[in-house]
Amino acid sequence: MIENRLHFVHDTTFTEDASKIRTGHGPDNMATLPSFAINQLRAAGHPNIAAGLREMSYTPFHHPLDPLDLA
């Protein structure tokens, strides 16, 4: 169930299956950022990742790592 939930989000929201990157470490590297974004949005309480991405895009002038409180 978890694998299907994660794959569905990767495929529908980030269109990962349509990627043309197929060799070397490229696919792994390109899967890292969407996975990070999904995990951070879920940790911030967004049950719907697409809706969370839209909500984050409403404030485009904020630093993208602000929700992590790193600074």
PDB file of N, CA and C in Angstrom:
ATOM      1  N   MET A   1       0.827  -1.193   0.000  1.00  0.00           N
ATOM      2  CA  MET A   1       0.000   0.000   0.000  1.00  0.00           C
ATOM      3  C   MET A   1       0.875   1.262   0.000  1.00  0.00           C
ATOM      4  N   ILE A   2       1.911   1.279   0.824  1.00  0.00           N
ATOM      5  CA  ILE A   2       2.771   2.463   0.895  1.00  0.00           C
ATOM      6  C   ILE A   2       3.481   2.686  -0.440  1.00  0.00           C
ATOM      7  N   GLU A   3       3.971   1.602  -1.045  1.00  0.00           N
ATOM      8  CA  GLU A   3       4.667   1.746  -2.317  1.00  0.00           C
ATOM      9  C   GLU A   3       3.730   2.311  -3.382  1.00  0.00           C
ATOM     10  N   ASN A   4       2.489   1.851  -3.423  1.00  0.00           N
ATOM     11  CA  ASN A   4       1.539   2.364  -4.409  1.00  0.00           C
ATOM     12  C   ASN A   4       1.223   3.821  -4.142  1.00  0.00           C
ATOM     13  N   ARG A   5       1.076   4.201  -2.875  1.00  0.00           N
ATOM     14  CA  ARG A   5       0.768   5.584  -2.528  1.00  0.00           C
ATOM     15  C   ARG A   5       1.909   6.498  -2.955  1.00  0.00           C
ATOM     16  N   LEU A   6       3.139   6.085  -2.704  1.00  0.00           N
ATOM     17  CA  LEU A   6       4.293   6.894  -3.059  1.00  0.00           C
ATOM     18  C   LEU A   6       4.472   6.945  -4.566  1.00  0.00           C
ATOM     19  N   HIS A   7       4.356   5.805  -5.235  1.00  0.00           N
ATOM     20  CA  HIS A   7       4.518   5.777  -6.687  1.00  0.00           C
ATOM     21  C   HIS A   7       3.457   6.634  -7.368  1.00  0.00           C
ATOM     22  N   PHE A   8       2.225   6.561  -6.889  1.00  0.00           N
ATOM     23  CA  PHE A   8       1.141   7.337  -7.487  1.00  0.00           C
ATOM     24  C   PHE A   8       1.451   8.828  -7.413  1.00  0.00           C
ATOM     25  N   VAL A   9       1.922   9.287  -6.268  1.00  0.00           N
ATOM     26  CA  VAL A   9       2.251  10.714  -6.114  1.00  0.00           C
ATOM     27  C   VAL A   9       3.412  11.086  -7.016  1.00  0.00           C
ATOM     28  N   HIS A  10       4.432  10.256  -7.067  1.00  0.00           N
ATOM     29  CA  HIS A  10       5.580  10.537  -7.939  1.00  0.00           C
ATOM     30  C   HIS A  10       5.137  10.605  -9.398  1.00  0.00           C
ATOM     31  N   ASP A  11       4.267   9.686  -9.794  1.00  0.00           N
ATOM     32  CA  ASP A  11       3.872   9.624 -11.197  1.00  0.00           C
ATOM     33  C   ASP A  11       2.889  10.721 -11.567  1.00  0.00           C
ATOM     34  N   THR A  12       1.875  10.950 -10.756  1.00  0.00           N
ATOM     35  CA  THR A  12       0.851  11.919 -11.143  1.00  0.00           C
ATOM     36  C   THR A  12       1.271  13.356 -10.880  1.00  0.00           C
ATOM     37  N   THR A  13       1.895  13.623  -9.755  1.00  0.00           N
ATOM     38  CA  THR A  13       2.239  15.000  -9.407  1.00  0.00           C
ATOM     39  C   THR A  13       3.536  15.448 -10.071  1.00  0.00           C
ATOM     40  N   PHE A  14       4.524  14.574 -10.095  1.00  0.00           N
ATOM     41  CA  PHE A  14       5.836  14.946 -10.637  1.00  0.00           C
ATOM     42  C   PHE A  14       6.123  14.307 -11.990  1.00  0.00           C
ATOM     43  N   THR A  15       5.176  13.579 -12.553  1.00  0.00           N
ATOM     44  CA  THR A  15       5.295  12.883 -13.851  1.00  0.00           C
ATOM     45  C   THR A  15       6.642  12.181 -14.011  1.00  0.00           C
ATOM     46  N   GLU A  16       7.002  11.441 -12.985  1.00  0.00           N
ATOM     47  CA  GLU A  16       8.302  10.781 -12.972  1.00  0.00           C
ATOM     48  C   GLU A  16       8.418   9.682 -14.029  1.00  0.00           C
ATOM     49  N   ASP A  17       7.318   9.011 -14.349  1.00  0.00           N
ATOM     50  CA  ASP A  17       7.376   7.945 -15.355  1.00  0.00           C
ATOM     51  C   ASP A  17       7.666   8.482 -16.751  1.00  0.00           C
ATOM     52  N   ALA A  18       7.420   9.753 -16.993  1.00  0.00           N
ATOM     53  CA  ALA A  18       7.660  10.343 -18.308  1.00  0.00           C
ATOM     54  C   ALA A  18       9.096  10.837 -18.469  1.00  0.00           C
ATOM     55  N   SER A  19       9.901  10.699 -17.423  1.00  0.00           N
ATOM     56  CA  SER A  19      11.273  11.183 -17.476  1.00  0.00           C
ATOM     57  C   SER A  19      12.082  10.435 -18.531  1.00  0.00           C
ATOM     58  N   LYS A  20      12.929  11.156 -19.219  1.00  0.00           N
ATOM     59  CA  LYS A  20      13.810  10.562 -20.242  1.00  0.00           C
ATOM     60  C   LYS A  20      15.182  10.214 -19.675  1.00  0.00           C
ATOM     61  N   ILE A  21      15.391  10.482 -18.404  1.00  0.00           N
ATOM     62  CA  ILE A  21      16.680  10.188 -17.771  1.00  0.00           C
ATOM     63  C   ILE A  21      16.702   8.705 -17.411  1.00  0.00           C
ATOM     64  N   ARG A  22      17.616   7.962 -18.025  1.00  0.00           N
ATOM     65  CA  ARG A  22      17.601   6.511 -17.865  1.00  0.00           C
ATOM     66  C   ARG A  22      18.951   5.884 -17.501  1.00  0.00           C
ATOM     67  N   THR A  23      20.042   6.639 -17.549  1.00  0.00           N
ATOM     68  CA  THR A  23      21.352   6.019 -17.378  1.00  0.00           C
ATOM     69  C   THR A  23      22.070   6.514 -16.132  1.00  0.00           C
ATOM     70  N   GLY A  24      23.001   5.712 -15.668  1.00  0.00           N
ATOM     71  CA  GLY A  24      23.845   6.091 -14.537  1.00  0.00           C
ATOM     72  C   GLY A  24      23.047   6.343 -13.275  1.00  0.00           C
ATOM     73  N   HIS A  25      23.476   7.352 -12.546  1.00  0.00           N
ATOM     74  CA  HIS A  25      22.822   7.715 -11.290  1.00  0.00           C
ATOM     75  C   HIS A  25      21.716   8.745 -11.506  1.00  0.00           C
ATOM     76  N   GLY A  26      21.475   9.130 -12.740  1.00  0.00           N
ATOM     77  CA  GLY A  26      20.480  10.144 -13.056  1.00  0.00           C
ATOM     78  C   GLY A  26      19.095   9.870 -12.488  1.00  0.00           C
ATOM     79  N   PRO A  27      18.535   8.666 -12.711  1.00  0.00           N
ATOM     80  CA  PRO A  27      17.191   8.401 -12.187  1.00  0.00           C
ATOM     81  C   PRO A  27      17.124   8.502 -10.662  1.00  0.00           C
ATOM     82  N   ASP A  28      18.123   7.997  -9.976  1.00  0.00           N
ATOM     83  CA  ASP A  28      18.138   8.077  -8.513  1.00  0.00           C
ATOM     84  C   ASP A  28      18.255   9.523  -8.050  1.00  0.00           C
ATOM     85  N   ASN A  29      19.138  10.258  -8.717  1.00  0.00           N
ATOM     86  CA  ASN A  29      19.318  11.659  -8.340  1.00  0.00           C
ATOM     87  C   ASN A  29      18.051  12.471  -8.593  1.00  0.00           C
ATOM     88  N   MET A  30      17.381  12.215  -9.705  1.00  0.00           N
ATOM     89  CA  MET A  30      16.178  12.978 -10.034  1.00  0.00           C
ATOM     90  C   MET A  30      14.972  12.558  -9.190  1.00  0.00           C
ATOM     91  N   ALA A  31      15.023  11.407  -8.552  1.00  0.00           N
ATOM     92  CA  ALA A  31      13.941  10.977  -7.665  1.00  0.00           C
ATOM     93  C   ALA A  31      14.113  11.545  -6.260  1.00  0.00           C
ATOM     94  N   THR A  32      15.302  12.008  -5.942  1.00  0.00           N
ATOM     95  CA  THR A  32      15.583  12.494  -4.593  1.00  0.00           C
ATOM     96  C   THR A  32      14.810  13.761  -4.254  1.00  0.00           C
ATOM     97  N   LEU A  33      14.804  14.735  -5.145  1.00  0.00           N
ATOM     98  CA  LEU A  33      14.137  16.011  -4.844  1.00  0.00           C
ATOM     99  C   LEU A  33      12.626  15.877  -4.696  1.00  0.00           C
ATOM    100  N   PRO A  34      11.930  15.176  -5.592  1.00  0.00           N
ATOM    101  CA  PRO A  34      10.494  14.993  -5.359  1.00  0.00           C
ATOM    102  C   PRO A  34      10.202  14.224  -4.069  1.00  0.00           C
ATOM    103  N   SER A  35      11.018  13.224  -3.756  1.00  0.00           N
ATOM    104  CA  SER A  35      10.817  12.475  -2.513  1.00  0.00           C
ATOM    105  C   SER A  35      10.990  13.383  -1.304  1.00  0.00           C
ATOM    106  N   PHE A  36      11.994  14.237  -1.358  1.00  0.00           N
ATOM    107  CA  PHE A  36      12.227  15.193  -0.284  1.00  0.00           C
ATOM    108  C   PHE A  36      11.032  16.141  -0.147  1.00  0.00           C
ATOM    109  N   ALA A  37      10.547  16.643  -1.280  1.00  0.00           N
ATOM    110  CA  ALA A  37       9.405  17.558  -1.254  1.00  0.00           C
ATOM    111  C   ALA A  37       8.166  16.874  -0.689  1.00  0.00           C
ATOM    112  N   ILE A  38       7.915  15.650  -1.098  1.00  0.00           N
ATOM    113  CA  ILE A  38       6.760  14.897  -0.597  1.00  0.00           C
ATOM    114  C   ILE A  38       6.868  14.707   0.903  1.00  0.00           C
ATOM    115  N   ASN A  39       8.028  14.289   1.370  1.00  0.00           N
ATOM    116  CA  ASN A  39       8.214  14.066   2.809  1.00  0.00           C
ATOM    117  C   ASN A  39       8.044  15.345   3.606  1.00  0.00           C
ATOM    118  N   GLN A  40       8.558  16.454   3.095  1.00  0.00           N
ATOM    119  CA  GLN A  40       8.442  17.716   3.817  1.00  0.00           C
ATOM    120  C   GLN A  40       7.002  18.226   3.840  1.00  0.00           C
ATOM    121  N   LEU A  41       6.296  18.053   2.740  1.00  0.00           N
ATOM    122  CA  LEU A  41       4.898  18.480   2.706  1.00  0.00           C
ATOM    123  C   LEU A  41       4.046  17.627   3.646  1.00  0.00           C
ATOM    124  N   ARG A  42       4.304  16.330   3.677  1.00  0.00           N
ATOM    125  CA  ARG A  42       3.552  15.464   4.600  1.00  0.00           C
ATOM    126  C   ARG A  42       3.889  15.802   6.048  1.00  0.00           C
ATOM    127  N   ALA A  43       5.146  16.093   6.326  1.00  0.00           N
ATOM    128  CA  ALA A  43       5.549  16.463   7.693  1.00  0.00           C
ATOM    129  C   ALA A  43       4.912  17.791   8.110  1.00  0.00           C
ATOM    130  N   ALA A  44       4.655  18.661   7.140  1.00  0.00           N
ATOM    131  CA  ALA A  44       4.024  19.950   7.436  1.00  0.00           C
ATOM    132  C   ALA A  44       2.509  19.829   7.553  1.00  0.00           C
ATOM    133  N   GLY A  45       1.979  18.615   7.360  1.00  0.00           N
ATOM    134  CA  GLY A  45       0.551  18.384   7.557  1.00  0.00           C
ATOM    135  C   GLY A  45      -0.300  18.454   6.305  1.00  0.00           C
ATOM    136  N   HIS A  46       0.308  18.389   5.138  1.00  0.00           N
ATOM    137  CA  HIS A  46      -0.452  18.405   3.887  1.00  0.00           C
ATOM    138  C   HIS A  46      -0.769  16.969   3.478  1.00  0.00           C
ATOM    139  N   PRO A  47      -2.026  16.536   3.608  1.00  0.00           N
ATOM    140  CA  PRO A  47      -2.358  15.171   3.197  1.00  0.00           C
ATOM    141  C   PRO A  47      -2.398  15.017   1.675  1.00  0.00           C
ATOM    142  N   ASN A  48      -2.656  16.103   0.958  1.00  0.00           N
ATOM    143  CA  ASN A  48      -2.710  16.078  -0.488  1.00  0.00           C
ATOM    144  C   ASN A  48      -1.486  16.829  -1.008  1.00  0.00           C
ATOM    145  N   ILE A  49      -0.583  16.118  -1.646  1.00  0.00           N
ATOM    146  CA  ILE A  49       0.690  16.698  -2.074  1.00  0.00           C
ATOM    147  C   ILE A  49       0.483  17.753  -3.165  1.00  0.00           C
ATOM    148  N   ALA A  50      -0.384  17.485  -4.130  1.00  0.00           N
ATOM    149  CA  ALA A  50      -0.633  18.459  -5.196  1.00  0.00           C
ATOM    150  C   ALA A  50      -1.198  19.753  -4.609  1.00  0.00           C
ATOM    151  N   ALA A  51      -2.123  19.642  -3.672  1.00  0.00           N
ATOM    152  CA  ALA A  51      -2.692  20.825  -3.032  1.00  0.00           C
ATOM    153  C   ALA A  51      -1.619  21.548  -2.214  1.00  0.00           C
ATOM    154  N   GLY A  52      -0.739  20.798  -1.560  1.00  0.00           N
ATOM    155  CA  GLY A  52       0.356  21.401  -0.806  1.00  0.00           C
ATOM    156  C   GLY A  52       1.310  22.166  -1.700  1.00  0.00           C
ATOM    157  N   LEU A  53       1.628  21.606  -2.865  1.00  0.00           N
ATOM    158  CA  LEU A  53       2.494  22.305  -3.820  1.00  0.00           C
ATOM    159  C   LEU A  53       1.837  23.583  -4.316  1.00  0.00           C
ATOM    160  N   ARG A  54       0.532  23.513  -4.587  1.00  0.00           N
ATOM    161  CA  ARG A  54      -0.178  24.721  -5.020  1.00  0.00           C
ATOM    162  C   ARG A  54      -0.159  25.776  -3.925  1.00  0.00           C
ATOM    163  N   GLU A  55      -0.411  25.361  -2.689  1.00  0.00           N
ATOM    164  CA  GLU A  55      -0.417  26.314  -1.576  1.00  0.00           C
ATOM    165  C   GLU A  55       0.945  26.969  -1.415  1.00  0.00           C
ATOM    166  N   MET A  56       2.013  26.178  -1.552  1.00  0.00           N
ATOM    167  CA  MET A  56       3.360  26.742  -1.445  1.00  0.00           C
ATOM    168  C   MET A  56       3.653  27.706  -2.593  1.00  0.00           C
ATOM    169  N   SER A  57       3.048  27.490  -3.750  1.00  0.00           N
ATOM    170  CA  SER A  57       3.309  28.370  -4.892  1.00  0.00           C
ATOM    171  C   SER A  57       2.600  29.704  -4.757  1.00  0.00           C
ATOM    172  N   TYR A  58       1.656  29.830  -3.832  1.00  0.00           N
ATOM    173  CA  TYR A  58       0.946  31.099  -3.650  1.00  0.00           C
ATOM    174  C   TYR A  58       1.849  32.154  -3.023  1.00  0.00           C
ATOM    175  N   THR A  59       2.903  31.743  -2.366  1.00  0.00           N
ATOM    176  CA  THR A  59       3.847  32.679  -1.758  1.00  0.00           C
ATOM    177  C   THR A  59       5.229  32.444  -2.365  1.00  0.00           C
ATOM    178  N   PRO A  60       5.404  32.812  -3.636  1.00  0.00           N
ATOM    179  CA  PRO A  60       6.637  32.462  -4.343  1.00  0.00           C
ATOM    180  C   PRO A  60       7.871  33.209  -3.870  1.00  0.00           C
ATOM    181  N   PHE A  61       7.720  34.277  -3.098  1.00  0.00           N
ATOM    182  CA  PHE A  61       8.883  35.047  -2.704  1.00  0.00           C
ATOM    183  C   PHE A  61       9.457  34.608  -1.374  1.00  0.00           C
ATOM    184  N   HIS A  62       8.886  33.579  -0.778  1.00  0.00           N
ATOM    185  CA  HIS A  62       9.448  33.019   0.444  1.00  0.00           C
ATOM    186  C   HIS A  62      10.571  32.060   0.072  1.00  0.00           C
ATOM    187  N   HIS A  63      11.529  31.932   0.921  1.00  0.00           N
ATOM    188  CA  HIS A  63      12.632  30.999   0.691  1.00  0.00           C
ATOM    189  C   HIS A  63      12.067  29.584   0.728  1.00  0.00           C
ATOM    190  N   PRO A  64      12.385  28.730  -0.230  1.00  0.00           N
ATOM    191  CA  PRO A  64      11.765  27.409  -0.300  1.00  0.00           C
ATOM    192  C   PRO A  64      12.080  26.501   0.887  1.00  0.00           C
ATOM    193  N   LEU A  65      13.158  26.773   1.621  1.00  0.00           N
ATOM    194  CA  LEU A  65      13.501  25.916   2.759  1.00  0.00           C
ATOM    195  C   LEU A  65      13.010  26.491   4.087  1.00  0.00           C
ATOM    196  N   ASP A  66      12.221  27.564   4.058  1.00  0.00           N
ATOM    197  CA  ASP A  66      11.685  28.148   5.291  1.00  0.00           C
ATOM    198  C   ASP A  66      10.910  27.139   6.145  1.00  0.00           C
ATOM    199  N   PRO A  67      10.095  26.245   5.568  1.00  0.00           N
ATOM    200  CA  PRO A  67       9.369  25.298   6.420  1.00  0.00           C
ATOM    201  C   PRO A  67      10.283  24.378   7.229  1.00  0.00           C
ATOM    202  N   LEU A  68      11.551  24.265   6.831  1.00  0.00           N
ATOM    203  CA  LEU A  68      12.481  23.398   7.548  1.00  0.00           C
ATOM    204  C   LEU A  68      13.104  24.086   8.759  1.00  0.00           C
ATOM    205  N   ASP A  69      12.971  25.392   8.861  1.00  0.00           N
ATOM    206  CA  ASP A  69      13.566  26.186   9.951  1.00  0.00           C
ATOM    207  C   ASP A  69      15.064  25.946  10.085  1.00  0.00           C
ATOM    208  N   LEU A  70      15.763  25.955   8.959  1.00  0.00           N
ATOM    209  CA  LEU A  70      17.209  25.728   8.963  1.00  0.00           C
ATOM    210  C   LEU A  70      17.992  27.011   9.238  1.00  0.00           C
ATOM    211  N   ALA A  71      17.428  28.137   8.894  1.00  0.00           N
ATOM    212  CA  ALA A  71      18.164  29.398   9.009  1.00  0.00           C
ATOM    213  C   ALA A  71      17.957  30.066  10.341  1.00  0.00           C
TER     214      ALA A  71
END
